[in-house]
Amino acid sequence: MSEQHNDHNHAPEEQAGEESSLKLELESQTQLFLELRQQNLELLQVAAKVAGYMGDHGPLKHSDLKPALRAIWDVYSEFHAWVDPDDSEDDYEEEDE
């Protein structure tokens, strides 16, 4: 009966260890996700600057929005391809489908 009692005592410790490990993994994944999103925002900001749409000019006219967004997206896509070429290849495959 003492063997069963010892097994029973280890189960909660093992479960707590698994929960702690899972929590750490989720925190790591969350941190990575947030860092990648921040990187994307920074790339988008740089793309907008390079495309000439940030600075001391007034708001864009409605007719200028689509070309501006296309120009920013084109620059952003190039930057993203430099930063993460593997991910960019996947994006292009999805766009082709």
C-alpha atoms as a PDB file:
ATOM      1  CA  MET A   1       0.000   0.000   0.000  1.00  0.00           C
ATOM      2  CA  SER A   2       2.935   2.358   0.559  1.00  0.00           C
ATOM      3  CA  GLU A   3       3.850   2.081  -3.164  1.00  0.00           C
ATOM      4  CA  GLN A   4       0.390   3.304  -4.139  1.00  0.00           C
ATOM      5  CA  HIS A   5       0.663   6.119  -1.632  1.00  0.00           C
ATOM      6  CA  ASN A   6       4.057   7.202  -3.043  1.00  0.00           C
ATOM      7  CA  ASP A   7       2.764   7.072  -6.625  1.00  0.00           C
ATOM      8  CA  HIS A   8      -0.187   9.164  -5.606  1.00  0.00           C
ATOM      9  CA  ASN A   9       2.105  11.780  -4.018  1.00  0.00           C
ATOM     10  CA  HIS A  10       4.242  12.133  -7.170  1.00  0.00           C
ATOM     11  CA  ALA A  11       1.326  12.652  -9.531  1.00  0.00           C
ATOM     12  CA  PRO A  12       0.467  16.184  -8.326  1.00  0.00           C
ATOM     13  CA  GLU A  13       4.155  17.182  -8.442  1.00  0.00           C
ATOM     14  CA  GLU A  14       4.488  15.881 -12.000  1.00  0.00           C
ATOM     15  CA  GLN A  15       1.265  17.604 -13.002  1.00  0.00           C
ATOM     16  CA  ALA A  16       2.472  20.877 -11.491  1.00  0.00           C
ATOM     17  CA  GLY A  17       5.741  20.520 -13.405  1.00  0.00           C
ATOM     18  CA  GLU A  18       3.877  19.915 -16.655  1.00  0.00           C
ATOM     19  CA  GLU A  19       1.622  22.901 -16.011  1.00  0.00           C
ATOM     20  CA  SER A  20       4.629  25.075 -15.254  1.00  0.00           C
ATOM     21  CA  SER A  21       6.351  23.884 -18.422  1.00  0.00           C
ATOM     22  CA  LEU A  22       3.223  24.559 -20.478  1.00  0.00           C
ATOM     23  CA  LYS A  23       2.869  28.020 -18.957  1.00  0.00           C
ATOM     24  CA  LEU A  24       6.494  28.827 -19.762  1.00  0.00           C
ATOM     25  CA  GLU A  25       6.046  27.601 -23.334  1.00  0.00           C
ATOM     26  CA  LEU A  26       2.913  29.708 -23.806  1.00  0.00           C
ATOM     27  CA  GLU A  27       4.664  32.765 -22.384  1.00  0.00           C
ATOM     28  CA  SER A  28       7.586  32.200 -24.761  1.00  0.00           C
ATOM     29  CA  GLN A  29       5.258  31.812 -27.737  1.00  0.00           C
ATOM     30  CA  THR A  30       3.354  34.933 -26.734  1.00  0.00           C
ATOM     31  CA  GLN A  31       6.568  36.916 -26.390  1.00  0.00           C
ATOM     32  CA  LEU A  32       7.773  35.730 -29.804  1.00  0.00           C
ATOM     33  CA  PHE A  33       4.413  36.641 -31.369  1.00  0.00           C
ATOM     34  CA  LEU A  34       4.565  40.140 -29.858  1.00  0.00           C
ATOM     35  CA  GLU A  35       8.154  40.661 -30.996  1.00  0.00           C
ATOM     36  CA  LEU A  36       7.268  39.615 -34.548  1.00  0.00           C
ATOM     37  CA  ARG A  37       4.275  41.977 -34.591  1.00  0.00           C
ATOM     38  CA  GLN A  38       6.487  44.823 -33.345  1.00  0.00           C
ATOM     39  CA  GLN A  39       9.006  44.043 -36.068  1.00  0.00           C
ATOM     40  CA  ASN A  40       6.220  44.120 -38.675  1.00  0.00           C
ATOM     41  CA  LEU A  41       5.040  47.508 -37.415  1.00  0.00           C
ATOM     42  CA  GLU A  42       8.569  48.886 -37.583  1.00  0.00           C
ATOM     43  CA  LEU A  43       8.990  47.565 -41.132  1.00  0.00           C
ATOM     44  CA  LEU A  44       5.680  49.119 -42.114  1.00  0.00           C
ATOM     45  CA  GLN A  45       6.759  52.466 -40.685  1.00  0.00           C
ATOM     46  CA  VAL A  46      10.044  52.331 -42.591  1.00  0.00           C
ATOM     47  CA  ALA A  47       8.186  51.320 -45.763  1.00  0.00           C
ATOM     48  CA  ALA A  48       5.858  54.304 -45.408  1.00  0.00           C
ATOM     49  CA  LYS A  49       8.869  56.608 -45.001  1.00  0.00           C
ATOM     50  CA  VAL A  50      10.697  55.113 -47.984  1.00  0.00           C
ATOM     51  CA  ALA A  51       7.556  55.313 -50.123  1.00  0.00           C
ATOM     52  CA  GLY A  52       7.327  59.015 -49.198  1.00  0.00           C
ATOM     53  CA  TYR A  53       4.103  58.930 -47.212  1.00  0.00           C
ATOM     54  CA  MET A  54       5.365  60.083 -43.818  1.00  0.00           C
ATOM     55  CA  GLY A  55       6.463  63.576 -43.081  1.00  0.00           C
ATOM     56  CA  ASP A  56       5.296  67.153 -43.194  1.00  0.00           C
ATOM     57  CA  HIS A  57       2.671  66.895 -45.922  1.00  0.00           C
ATOM     58  CA  GLY A  58      -1.072  67.079 -45.364  1.00  0.00           C
ATOM     59  CA  PRO A  59      -3.517  64.212 -45.447  1.00  0.00           C
ATOM     60  CA  LEU A  60      -3.872  62.233 -48.641  1.00  0.00           C
ATOM     61  CA  LYS A  61      -6.793  62.799 -50.966  1.00  0.00           C
ATOM     62  CA  HIS A  62      -9.231  59.948 -51.365  1.00  0.00           C
ATOM     63  CA  SER A  63      -8.015  59.307 -54.919  1.00  0.00           C
ATOM     64  CA  ASP A  64      -4.423  59.001 -53.648  1.00  0.00           C
ATOM     65  CA  LEU A  65      -5.100  56.372 -50.975  1.00  0.00           C
ATOM     66  CA  LYS A  66      -5.042  53.242 -53.130  1.00  0.00           C
ATOM     67  CA  PRO A  67      -1.785  54.131 -54.933  1.00  0.00           C
ATOM     68  CA  ALA A  68      -0.210  55.134 -51.611  1.00  0.00           C
ATOM     69  CA  LEU A  69      -1.174  51.872 -49.938  1.00  0.00           C
ATOM     70  CA  ARG A  70       0.080  49.875 -52.937  1.00  0.00           C
ATOM     71  CA  ALA A  71       3.422  51.720 -52.874  1.00  0.00           C
ATOM     72  CA  ILE A  72       3.795  51.159 -49.120  1.00  0.00           C
ATOM     73  CA  TRP A  73       2.848  47.474 -49.486  1.00  0.00           C
ATOM     74  CA  ASP A  74       5.382  46.974 -52.297  1.00  0.00           C
ATOM     75  CA  VAL A  75       8.195  48.470 -50.205  1.00  0.00           C
ATOM     76  CA  TYR A  76       7.070  46.569 -47.100  1.00  0.00           C
ATOM     77  CA  SER A  77       7.016  43.280 -49.039  1.00  0.00           C
ATOM     78  CA  GLU A  78      10.576  43.832 -50.192  1.00  0.00           C
ATOM     79  CA  PHE A  79      11.755  44.596 -46.666  1.00  0.00           C
ATOM     80  CA  HIS A  80       9.893  41.600 -45.281  1.00  0.00           C
ATOM     81  CA  ALA A  81      11.509  39.357 -47.895  1.00  0.00           C
ATOM     82  CA  TRP A  82      14.933  40.538 -46.719  1.00  0.00           C
ATOM     83  CA  VAL A  83      14.121  39.998 -43.051  1.00  0.00           C
ATOM     84  CA  ASP A  84      12.451  36.600 -43.395  1.00  0.00           C
ATOM     85  CA  PRO A  85      12.924  35.069 -46.857  1.00  0.00           C
ATOM     86  CA  ASP A  86      11.330  31.732 -45.908  1.00  0.00           C
ATOM     87  CA  ASP A  87       8.152  33.391 -44.661  1.00  0.00           C
ATOM     88  CA  SER A  88       7.955  35.606 -47.746  1.00  0.00           C
ATOM     89  CA  GLU A  89       8.061  32.596 -50.078  1.00  0.00           C
ATOM     90  CA  ASP A  90       5.067  31.147 -48.226  1.00  0.00           C
ATOM     91  CA  ASP A  91       3.201  34.459 -48.572  1.00  0.00           C
ATOM     92  CA  TYR A  92       3.807  34.590 -52.319  1.00  0.00           C
ATOM     93  CA  GLU A  93       2.557  31.008 -52.726  1.00  0.00           C
ATOM     94  CA  GLU A  94      -0.662  31.907 -50.884  1.00  0.00           C
ATOM     95  CA  GLU A  95      -1.166  35.023 -53.056  1.00  0.00           C
ATOM     96  CA  ASP A  96      -0.731  32.935 -56.230  1.00  0.00           C
ATOM     97  CA  GLU A  97      -3.477  30.516 -55.160  1.00  0.00           C
END
